[in-house]
Structure formats: structure tokens, C-alpha cells
Amino acid sequence: MLNALCRWCEVIVNRDGGQWVQRFEEGRPVHELRRAGDCTTTGTTLRFEIDRALLTGALDVQRIERRLAAFNAEVPCTRATLVVKTNTDM
């Protein structure tokens, strides 16, 4: 559902010796899941840009950080982090 609320969303999964990538724009897949290369680590990265036409107003970054911290505490084998970039960072 997240990808439907974003201008774009990219999922990167490292597992089984490979890095797998799929990108969505406005909720639609740009391409099928594809192997992007070899990898010796495991983990998932989710990158996205919120569609400000759909989600207006300020984001409560501190609330999101608290939720991620709670998630990390409940699932010890994970590490969820939040990186916020503004228009000036791009």
C-alpha cells in the first residue's frame, strides 16, 4: 500500500547471494523483480518519495522514529532506520 501513496518506491532485497530490486512509480511497477547483482549480506531497503499531492501537511518525524524504535525492540534481528531528505538535499 505504501507504493500507492508515493511518487516512487524502490525495494532492494539482499538474500540468497543476490541483490533483488523492484521499482514502482505512482503505485505501478516500472519493471519486474530483477537480480541487480551478487551480495553476501542479507536485508531489505525500502526507499520512497511521498506524493505530496496525496499526503499534505507536515510529517511527524519524531513519531515515525518512535515507531521504528519500538519495531526494532520487538523484532531484535531487524534494524529499521529513517532517513529524511528535504528538497535541498536532492
PDB file of N, CA and C in Angstrom:
ATOM      1  N   MET A   1       0.812  -1.187   0.000  1.00  0.00           N
ATOM      2  CA  MET A   1       0.000   0.000   0.000  1.00  0.00           C
ATOM      3  C   MET A   1       0.863   1.261   0.000  1.00  0.00           C
ATOM      4  N   LEU A   2       2.034   1.183   0.609  1.00  0.00           N
ATOM      5  CA  LEU A   2       2.901   2.355   0.656  1.00  0.00           C
ATOM      6  C   LEU A   2       3.188   2.877  -0.744  1.00  0.00           C
ATOM      7  N   ASN A   3       3.455   1.978  -1.687  1.00  0.00           N
ATOM      8  CA  ASN A   3       3.816   2.442  -3.024  1.00  0.00           C
ATOM      9  C   ASN A   3       2.686   3.221  -3.694  1.00  0.00           C
ATOM     10  N   ALA A   4       1.437   2.997  -3.302  1.00  0.00           N
ATOM     11  CA  ALA A   4       0.314   3.740  -3.873  1.00  0.00           C
ATOM     12  C   ALA A   4       0.277   5.183  -3.380  1.00  0.00           C
ATOM     13  N   LEU A   5       0.949   5.475  -2.267  1.00  0.00           N
ATOM     14  CA  LEU A   5       0.961   6.819  -1.692  1.00  0.00           C
ATOM     15  C   LEU A   5       2.242   7.585  -2.025  1.00  0.00           C
ATOM     16  N   CYS A   6       3.059   7.017  -2.897  1.00  0.00           N
ATOM     17  CA  CYS A   6       4.363   7.603  -3.198  1.00  0.00           C
ATOM     18  C   CYS A   6       4.480   7.958  -4.674  1.00  0.00           C
ATOM     19  N   ARG A   7       5.292   8.968  -4.940  1.00  0.00           N
ATOM     20  CA  ARG A   7       5.634   9.258  -6.342  1.00  0.00           C
ATOM     21  C   ARG A   7       6.421   8.091  -6.897  1.00  0.00           C
ATOM     22  N   TRP A   8       7.345   7.580  -6.075  1.00  0.00           N
ATOM     23  CA  TRP A   8       8.094   6.379  -6.446  1.00  0.00           C
ATOM     24  C   TRP A   8       8.475   5.617  -5.192  1.00  0.00           C
ATOM     25  N   CYS A   9       8.699   4.335  -5.357  1.00  0.00           N
ATOM     26  CA  CYS A   9       9.079   3.452  -4.260  1.00  0.00           C
ATOM     27  C   CYS A   9      10.013   2.393  -4.839  1.00  0.00           C
ATOM     28  N   GLU A  10      11.104   2.133  -4.140  1.00  0.00           N
ATOM     29  CA  GLU A  10      12.074   1.140  -4.605  1.00  0.00           C
ATOM     30  C   GLU A  10      12.361   0.166  -3.469  1.00  0.00           C
ATOM     31  N   VAL A  11      12.266  -1.115  -3.776  1.00  0.00           N
ATOM     32  CA  VAL A  11      12.533  -2.168  -2.800  1.00  0.00           C
ATOM     33  C   VAL A  11      13.803  -2.887  -3.229  1.00  0.00           C
ATOM     34  N   ILE A  12      14.753  -3.002  -2.289  1.00  0.00           N
ATOM     35  CA  ILE A  12      16.015  -3.699  -2.544  1.00  0.00           C
ATOM     36  C   ILE A  12      16.136  -4.793  -1.490  1.00  0.00           C
ATOM     37  N   VAL A  13      16.257  -6.037  -1.938  1.00  0.00           N
ATOM     38  CA  VAL A  13      16.342  -7.174  -1.024  1.00  0.00           C
ATOM     39  C   VAL A  13      17.653  -7.908  -1.272  1.00  0.00           C
ATOM     40  N   ASN A  14      18.432  -8.085  -0.205  1.00  0.00           N
ATOM     41  CA  ASN A  14      19.671  -8.859  -0.273  1.00  0.00           C
ATOM     42  C   ASN A  14      19.419 -10.211   0.375  1.00  0.00           C
ATOM     43  N   ARG A  15      19.503 -11.278  -0.412  1.00  0.00           N
ATOM     44  CA  ARG A  15      19.331 -12.631   0.121  1.00  0.00           C
ATOM     45  C   ARG A  15      19.736 -13.653  -0.928  1.00  0.00           C
ATOM     46  N   ASP A  16      20.000 -14.846  -0.467  1.00  0.00           N
ATOM     47  CA  ASP A  16      20.346 -15.965  -1.353  1.00  0.00           C
ATOM     48  C   ASP A  16      21.493 -15.624  -2.301  1.00  0.00           C
ATOM     49  N   GLY A  17      22.457 -14.827  -1.810  1.00  0.00           N
ATOM     50  CA  GLY A  17      23.630 -14.496  -2.610  1.00  0.00           C
ATOM     51  C   GLY A  17      23.413 -13.429  -3.661  1.00  0.00           C
ATOM     52  N   GLY A  18      22.233 -12.825  -3.682  1.00  0.00           N
ATOM     53  CA  GLY A  18      21.967 -11.814  -4.697  1.00  0.00           C
ATOM     54  C   GLY A  18      21.266 -10.596  -4.142  1.00  0.00           C
ATOM     55  N   GLN A  19      21.298  -9.537  -4.929  1.00  0.00           N
ATOM     56  CA  GLN A  19      20.555  -8.324  -4.605  1.00  0.00           C
ATOM     57  C   GLN A  19      19.421  -8.212  -5.623  1.00  0.00           C
ATOM     58  N   TRP A  20      18.196  -8.111  -5.109  1.00  0.00           N
ATOM     59  CA  TRP A  20      16.993  -8.093  -5.928  1.00  0.00           C
ATOM     60  C   TRP A  20      16.333  -6.726  -5.807  1.00  0.00           C
ATOM     61  N   VAL A  21      15.879  -6.173  -6.925  1.00  0.00           N
ATOM     62  CA  VAL A  21      15.347  -4.809  -6.946  1.00  0.00           C
ATOM     63  C   VAL A  21      14.029  -4.769  -7.716  1.00  0.00           C
ATOM     64  N   GLN A  22      13.084  -3.981  -7.193  1.00  0.00           N
ATOM     65  CA  GLN A  22      11.878  -3.656  -7.949  1.00  0.00           C
ATOM     66  C   GLN A  22      11.506  -2.217  -7.643  1.00  0.00           C
ATOM     67  N   ARG A  23      11.104  -1.489  -8.674  1.00  0.00           N
ATOM     68  CA  ARG A  23      10.741  -0.077  -8.540  1.00  0.00           C
ATOM     69  C   ARG A  23       9.293   0.120  -8.975  1.00  0.00           C
ATOM     70  N   PHE A  24       8.615   1.014  -8.244  1.00  0.00           N
ATOM     71  CA  PHE A  24       7.238   1.378  -8.547  1.00  0.00           C
ATOM     72  C   PHE A  24       7.169   2.889  -8.711  1.00  0.00           C
ATOM     73  N   GLU A  25       6.318   3.355  -9.603  1.00  0.00           N
ATOM     74  CA  GLU A  25       6.040   4.782  -9.738  1.00  0.00           C
ATOM     75  C   GLU A  25       4.532   4.958  -9.756  1.00  0.00           C
ATOM     76  N   GLU A  26       4.043   5.810  -8.852  1.00  0.00           N
ATOM     77  CA  GLU A  26       2.610   6.055  -8.682  1.00  0.00           C
ATOM     78  C   GLU A  26       1.836   4.747  -8.523  1.00  0.00           C
ATOM     79  N   GLY A  27       2.421   3.812  -7.766  1.00  0.00           N
ATOM     80  CA  GLY A  27       1.760   2.559  -7.442  1.00  0.00           C
ATOM     81  C   GLY A  27       1.883   1.462  -8.479  1.00  0.00           C
ATOM     82  N   ARG A  28       2.501   1.754  -9.607  1.00  0.00           N
ATOM     83  CA  ARG A  28       2.615   0.753 -10.673  1.00  0.00           C
ATOM     84  C   ARG A  28       4.065   0.297 -10.816  1.00  0.00           C
ATOM     85  N   PRO A  29       4.267  -1.006 -11.025  1.00  0.00           N
ATOM     86  CA  PRO A  29       5.641  -1.480 -11.212  1.00  0.00           C
ATOM     87  C   PRO A  29       6.259  -0.894 -12.480  1.00  0.00           C
ATOM     88  N   VAL A  30       7.484  -0.407 -12.357  1.00  0.00           N
ATOM     89  CA  VAL A  30       8.232   0.089 -13.514  1.00  0.00           C
ATOM     90  C   VAL A  30       8.857  -1.095 -14.244  1.00  0.00           C
ATOM     91  N   HIS A  31       9.259  -2.101 -13.467  1.00  0.00           N
ATOM     92  CA  HIS A  31       9.827  -3.323 -14.028  1.00  0.00           C
ATOM     93  C   HIS A  31       9.555  -4.466 -13.064  1.00  0.00           C
ATOM     94  N   GLU A  32       9.722  -5.667 -13.543  1.00  0.00           N
ATOM     95  CA  GLU A  32       9.558  -6.849 -12.703  1.00  0.00           C
ATOM     96  C   GLU A  32      10.705  -6.923 -11.700  1.00  0.00           C
ATOM     97  N   LEU A  33      10.532  -7.735 -10.683  1.00  0.00           N
ATOM     98  CA  LEU A  33      11.615  -8.003  -9.748  1.00  0.00           C
ATOM     99  C   LEU A  33      12.792  -8.547 -10.547  1.00  0.00           C
ATOM    100  N   ARG A  34      13.969  -7.963 -10.334  1.00  0.00           N
ATOM    101  CA  ARG A  34      15.134  -8.414 -11.097  1.00  0.00           C
ATOM    102  C   ARG A  34      16.355  -8.502 -10.198  1.00  0.00           C
ATOM    103  N   ARG A  35      17.244  -9.364 -10.580  1.00  0.00           N
ATOM    104  CA  ARG A  35      18.504  -9.509  -9.852  1.00  0.00           C
ATOM    105  C   ARG A  35      19.445  -8.412 -10.322  1.00  0.00           C
ATOM    106  N   ALA A  36      19.953  -7.626  -9.363  1.00  0.00           N
ATOM    107  CA  ALA A  36      20.819  -6.497  -9.703  1.00  0.00           C
ATOM    108  C   ALA A  36      22.294  -6.841  -9.552  1.00  0.00           C
ATOM    109  N   GLY A  37      22.598  -7.967  -8.908  1.00  0.00           N
ATOM    110  CA  GLY A  37      23.993  -8.344  -8.728  1.00  0.00           C
ATOM    111  C   GLY A  37      24.146  -9.330  -7.592  1.00  0.00           C
ATOM    112  N   ASP A  38      25.391  -9.630  -7.269  1.00  0.00           N
ATOM    113  CA  ASP A  38      25.706 -10.549  -6.185  1.00  0.00           C
ATOM    114  C   ASP A  38      25.799  -9.787  -4.868  1.00  0.00           C
ATOM    115  N   CYS A  39      25.547 -10.499  -3.766  1.00  0.00           N
ATOM    116  CA  CYS A  39      25.596  -9.875  -2.453  1.00  0.00           C
ATOM    117  C   CYS A  39      25.868 -10.950  -1.406  1.00  0.00           C
ATOM    118  N   THR A  40      26.671 -10.622  -0.409  1.00  0.00           N
ATOM    119  CA  THR A  40      26.970 -11.583   0.657  1.00  0.00           C
ATOM    120  C   THR A  40      26.220 -11.272   1.948  1.00  0.00           C
ATOM    121  N   THR A  41      25.459 -10.181   1.972  1.00  0.00           N
ATOM    122  CA  THR A  41      24.712  -9.802   3.166  1.00  0.00           C
ATOM    123  C   THR A  41      23.232 -10.092   2.969  1.00  0.00           C
ATOM    124  N   THR A  42      22.464  -9.914   4.037  1.00  0.00           N
ATOM    125  CA  THR A  42      21.014 -10.032   3.938  1.00  0.00           C
ATOM    126  C   THR A  42      20.385  -8.752   4.458  1.00  0.00           C
ATOM    127  N   GLY A  43      19.182  -8.478   4.007  1.00  0.00           N
ATOM    128  CA  GLY A  43      18.465  -7.304   4.489  1.00  0.00           C
ATOM    129  C   GLY A  43      17.602  -6.708   3.402  1.00  0.00           C
ATOM    130  N   THR A  44      16.721  -5.820   3.812  1.00  0.00           N
ATOM    131  CA  THR A  44      15.795  -5.167   2.897  1.00  0.00           C
ATOM    132  C   THR A  44      15.886  -3.663   3.077  1.00  0.00           C
ATOM    133  N   THR A  45      15.938  -2.949   1.973  1.00  0.00           N
ATOM    134  CA  THR A  45      15.932  -1.492   1.983  1.00  0.00           C
ATOM    135  C   THR A  45      14.707  -1.026   1.211  1.00  0.00           C
ATOM    136  N   LEU A  46      13.993  -0.087   1.787  1.00  0.00           N
ATOM    137  CA  LEU A  46      12.822   0.499   1.145  1.00  0.00           C
ATOM    138  C   LEU A  46      13.062   1.995   1.051  1.00  0.00           C
ATOM    139  N   ARG A  47      13.094   2.497  -0.168  1.00  0.00           N
ATOM    140  CA  ARG A  47      13.281   3.934  -0.399  1.00  0.00           C
ATOM    141  C   ARG A  47      12.045   4.447  -1.117  1.00  0.00           C
ATOM    142  N   PHE A  48      11.615   5.658  -0.772  1.00  0.00           N
ATOM    143  CA  PHE A  48      10.426   6.194  -1.425  1.00  0.00           C
ATOM    144  C   PHE A  48      10.366   7.701  -1.291  1.00  0.00           C
ATOM    145  N   GLU A  49       9.562   8.303  -2.162  1.00  0.00           N
ATOM    146  CA  GLU A  49       9.262   9.729  -2.074  1.00  0.00           C
ATOM    147  C   GLU A  49       7.752   9.863  -1.963  1.00  0.00           C
ATOM    148  N   ILE A  50       7.312  10.504  -0.904  1.00  0.00           N
ATOM    149  CA  ILE A  50       5.884  10.684  -0.661  1.00  0.00           C
ATOM    150  C   ILE A  50       5.291  11.584  -1.742  1.00  0.00           C
ATOM    151  N   ASP A  51       4.106  11.223  -2.202  1.00  0.00           N
ATOM    152  CA  ASP A  51       3.379  12.050  -3.167  1.00  0.00           C
ATOM    153  C   ASP A  51       2.668  13.152  -2.388  1.00  0.00           C
ATOM    154  N   ARG A  52       3.217  14.358  -2.418  1.00  0.00           N
ATOM    155  CA  ARG A  52       2.670  15.469  -1.629  1.00  0.00           C
ATOM    156  C   ARG A  52       1.303  15.910  -2.134  1.00  0.00           C
ATOM    157  N   ALA A  53       0.895  15.494  -3.322  1.00  0.00           N
ATOM    158  CA  ALA A  53      -0.461  15.793  -3.790  1.00  0.00           C
ATOM    159  C   ALA A  53      -1.484  14.960  -3.013  1.00  0.00           C
ATOM    160  N   LEU A  54      -1.061  13.801  -2.500  1.00  0.00           N
ATOM    161  CA  LEU A  54      -1.954  12.927  -1.740  1.00  0.00           C
ATOM    162  C   LEU A  54      -1.817  13.115  -0.238  1.00  0.00           C
ATOM    163  N   LEU A  55      -0.591  13.305   0.232  1.00  0.00           N
ATOM    164  CA  LEU A  55      -0.330  13.446   1.665  1.00  0.00           C
ATOM    165  C   LEU A  55       0.161  14.865   1.935  1.00  0.00           C
ATOM    166  N   THR A  56      -0.748  15.711   2.329  1.00  0.00           N
ATOM    167  CA  THR A  56      -0.391  17.105   2.586  1.00  0.00           C
ATOM    168  C   THR A  56      -0.120  17.293   4.074  1.00  0.00           C
ATOM    169  N   GLY A  57       0.475  18.396   4.417  1.00  0.00           N
ATOM    170  CA  GLY A  57       0.767  18.679   5.817  1.00  0.00           C
ATOM    171  C   GLY A  57       2.131  18.147   6.215  1.00  0.00           C
ATOM    172  N   ALA A  58       2.501  18.465   7.437  1.00  0.00           N
ATOM    173  CA  ALA A  58       3.816  18.084   7.946  1.00  0.00           C
ATOM    174  C   ALA A  58       3.817  16.633   8.417  1.00  0.00           C
ATOM    175  N   LEU A  59       4.939  15.972   8.223  1.00  0.00           N
ATOM    176  CA  LEU A  59       5.119  14.622   8.747  1.00  0.00           C
ATOM    177  C   LEU A  59       5.635  14.720  10.175  1.00  0.00           C
ATOM    178  N   ASP A  60       5.163  13.848  11.033  1.00  0.00           N
ATOM    179  CA  ASP A  60       5.622  13.797  12.417  1.00  0.00           C
ATOM    180  C   ASP A  60       6.816  12.843  12.475  1.00  0.00           C
ATOM    181  N   VAL A  61       7.993  13.375  12.175  1.00  0.00           N
ATOM    182  CA  VAL A  61       9.202  12.559  12.080  1.00  0.00           C
ATOM    183  C   VAL A  61       9.518  11.890  13.415  1.00  0.00           C
ATOM    184  N   GLN A  62       9.337  12.599  14.521  1.00  0.00           N
ATOM    185  CA  GLN A  62       9.623  12.008  15.832  1.00  0.00           C
ATOM    186  C   GLN A  62       8.707  10.818  16.110  1.00  0.00           C
ATOM    187  N   ARG A  63       7.461  10.912  15.713  1.00  0.00           N
ATOM    188  CA  ARG A  63       6.534   9.786  15.908  1.00  0.00           C
ATOM    189  C   ARG A  63       6.973   8.585  15.072  1.00  0.00           C
ATOM    190  N   ILE A  64       7.374   8.838  13.842  1.00  0.00           N
ATOM    191  CA  ILE A  64       7.848   7.752  12.980  1.00  0.00           C
ATOM    192  C   ILE A  64       9.087   7.105  13.590  1.00  0.00           C
ATOM    193  N   GLU A  65      10.011   7.919  14.099  1.00  0.00           N
ATOM    194  CA  GLU A  65      11.220   7.381  14.728  1.00  0.00           C
ATOM    195  C   GLU A  65      10.881   6.532  15.948  1.00  0.00           C
ATOM    196  N   ARG A  66       9.909   6.967  16.757  1.00  0.00           N
ATOM    197  CA  ARG A  66       9.491   6.174  17.928  1.00  0.00           C
ATOM    198  C   ARG A  66       8.900   4.837  17.497  1.00  0.00           C
ATOM    199  N   ARG A  67       8.099   4.843  16.443  1.00  0.00           N
ATOM    200  CA  ARG A  67       7.501   3.597  15.949  1.00  0.00           C
ATOM    201  C   ARG A  67       8.577   2.646  15.431  1.00  0.00           C
ATOM    202  N   LEU A  68       9.566   3.177  14.735  1.00  0.00           N
ATOM    203  CA  LEU A  68      10.662   2.337  14.248  1.00  0.00           C
ATOM    204  C   LEU A  68      11.469   1.769  15.406  1.00  0.00           C
ATOM    205  N   ALA A  69      11.709   2.574  16.444  1.00  0.00           N
ATOM    206  CA  ALA A  69      12.436   2.087  17.621  1.00  0.00           C
ATOM    207  C   ALA A  69      11.658   0.968  18.297  1.00  0.00           C
ATOM    208  N   ALA A  70      10.345   1.114  18.407  1.00  0.00           N
ATOM    209  CA  ALA A  70       9.514   0.065  19.007  1.00  0.00           C
ATOM    210  C   ALA A  70       9.562  -1.200  18.155  1.00  0.00           C
ATOM    211  N   PHE A  71       9.510  -1.041  16.844  1.00  0.00           N
ATOM    212  CA  PHE A  71       9.597  -2.191  15.944  1.00  0.00           C
ATOM    213  C   PHE A  71      10.934  -2.902  16.114  1.00  0.00           C
ATOM    214  N   ASN A  72      12.020  -2.134  16.158  1.00  0.00           N
ATOM    215  CA  ASN A  72      13.351  -2.727  16.337  1.00  0.00           C
ATOM    216  C   ASN A  72      13.444  -3.487  17.656  1.00  0.00           C
ATOM    217  N   ALA A  73      12.807  -2.974  18.717  1.00  0.00           N
ATOM    218  CA  ALA A  73      12.834  -3.645  20.019  1.00  0.00           C
ATOM    219  C   ALA A  73      12.028  -4.941  19.988  1.00  0.00           C
ATOM    220  N   GLU A  74      10.923  -4.947  19.257  1.00  0.00           N
ATOM    221  CA  GLU A  74      10.065  -6.132  19.187  1.00  0.00           C
ATOM    222  C   GLU A  74      10.650  -7.215  18.294  1.00  0.00           C
ATOM    223  N   VAL A  75      11.403  -6.818  17.294  1.00  0.00           N
ATOM    224  CA  VAL A  75      11.986  -7.772  16.344  1.00  0.00           C
ATOM    225  C   VAL A  75      13.496  -7.552  16.355  1.00  0.00           C
ATOM    226  N   PRO A  76      14.197  -8.191  17.314  1.00  0.00           N
ATOM    227  CA  PRO A  76      15.618  -7.891  17.539  1.00  0.00           C
ATOM    228  C   PRO A  76      16.532  -8.149  16.347  1.00  0.00           C
ATOM    229  N   CYS A  77      16.141  -9.000  15.423  1.00  0.00           N
ATOM    230  CA  CYS A  77      17.029  -9.290  14.292  1.00  0.00           C
ATOM    231  C   CYS A  77      16.900  -8.246  13.182  1.00  0.00           C
ATOM    232  N   THR A  78      16.144  -7.175  13.427  1.00  0.00           N
ATOM    233  CA  THR A  78      15.972  -6.138  12.410  1.00  0.00           C
ATOM    234  C   THR A  78      16.643  -4.843  12.838  1.00  0.00           C
ATOM    235  N   ARG A  79      16.834  -3.989  11.871  1.00  0.00           N
ATOM    236  CA  ARG A  79      17.315  -2.634  12.137  1.00  0.00           C
ATOM    237  C   ARG A  79      16.612  -1.713  11.153  1.00  0.00           C
ATOM    238  N   ALA A  80      15.544  -1.091  11.598  1.00  0.00           N
ATOM    239  CA  ALA A  80      14.811  -0.146  10.762  1.00  0.00           C
ATOM    240  C   ALA A  80      15.305   1.255  11.089  1.00  0.00           C
ATOM    241  N   THR A  81      15.640   2.015  10.065  1.00  0.00           N
ATOM    242  CA  THR A  81      16.108   3.386  10.258  1.00  0.00           C
ATOM    243  C   THR A  81      15.329   4.315   9.336  1.00  0.00           C
ATOM    244  N   LEU A  82      15.318   5.568   9.685  1.00  0.00           N
ATOM    245  CA  LEU A  82      14.630   6.583   8.896  1.00  0.00           C
ATOM    246  C   LEU A  82      15.644   7.623   8.456  1.00  0.00           C
ATOM    247  N   VAL A  83      15.657   7.907   7.174  1.00  0.00           N
ATOM    248  CA  VAL A  83      16.492   8.972   6.629  1.00  0.00           C
ATOM    249  C   VAL A  83      15.554   9.937   5.925  1.00  0.00           C
ATOM    250  N   VAL A  84      15.547  11.175   6.370  1.00  0.00           N
ATOM    251  CA  VAL A  84      14.668  12.183   5.786  1.00  0.00           C
ATOM    252  C   VAL A  84      15.512  13.124   4.947  1.00  0.00           C
ATOM    253  N   LYS A  85      15.125  13.275   3.692  1.00  0.00           N
ATOM    254  CA  LYS A  85      15.807  14.213   2.805  1.00  0.00           C
ATOM    255  C   LYS A  85      14.815  15.287   2.401  1.00  0.00           C
ATOM    256  N   THR A  86      15.256  16.513   2.457  1.00  0.00           N
ATOM    257  CA  THR A  86      14.418  17.621   2.022  1.00  0.00           C
ATOM    258  C   THR A  86      14.750  17.956   0.577  1.00  0.00           C
ATOM    259  N   ASN A  87      13.994  18.845  -0.010  1.00  0.00           N
ATOM    260  CA  ASN A  87      14.261  19.242  -1.395  1.00  0.00           C
ATOM    261  C   ASN A  87      15.672  19.780  -1.572  1.00  0.00           C
ATOM    262  N   THR A  88      16.231  20.395  -0.532  1.00  0.00           N
ATOM    263  CA  THR A  88      17.582  20.943  -0.640  1.00  0.00           C
ATOM    264  C   THR A  88      18.643  19.853  -0.591  1.00  0.00           C
ATOM    265  N   ASP A  89      18.271  18.626  -0.117  1.00  0.00           N
ATOM    266  CA  ASP A  89      19.218  17.510  -0.056  1.00  0.00           C
ATOM    267  C   ASP A  89      19.339  16.787  -1.393  1.00  0.00           C
ATOM    268  N   MET A  90      18.438  17.042  -2.308  1.00  0.00           N
ATOM    269  CA  MET A  90      18.393  16.263  -3.551  1.00  0.00           C
ATOM    270  C   MET A  90      19.128  16.948  -4.666  1.00  0.00           C
TER     271      MET A  90
END
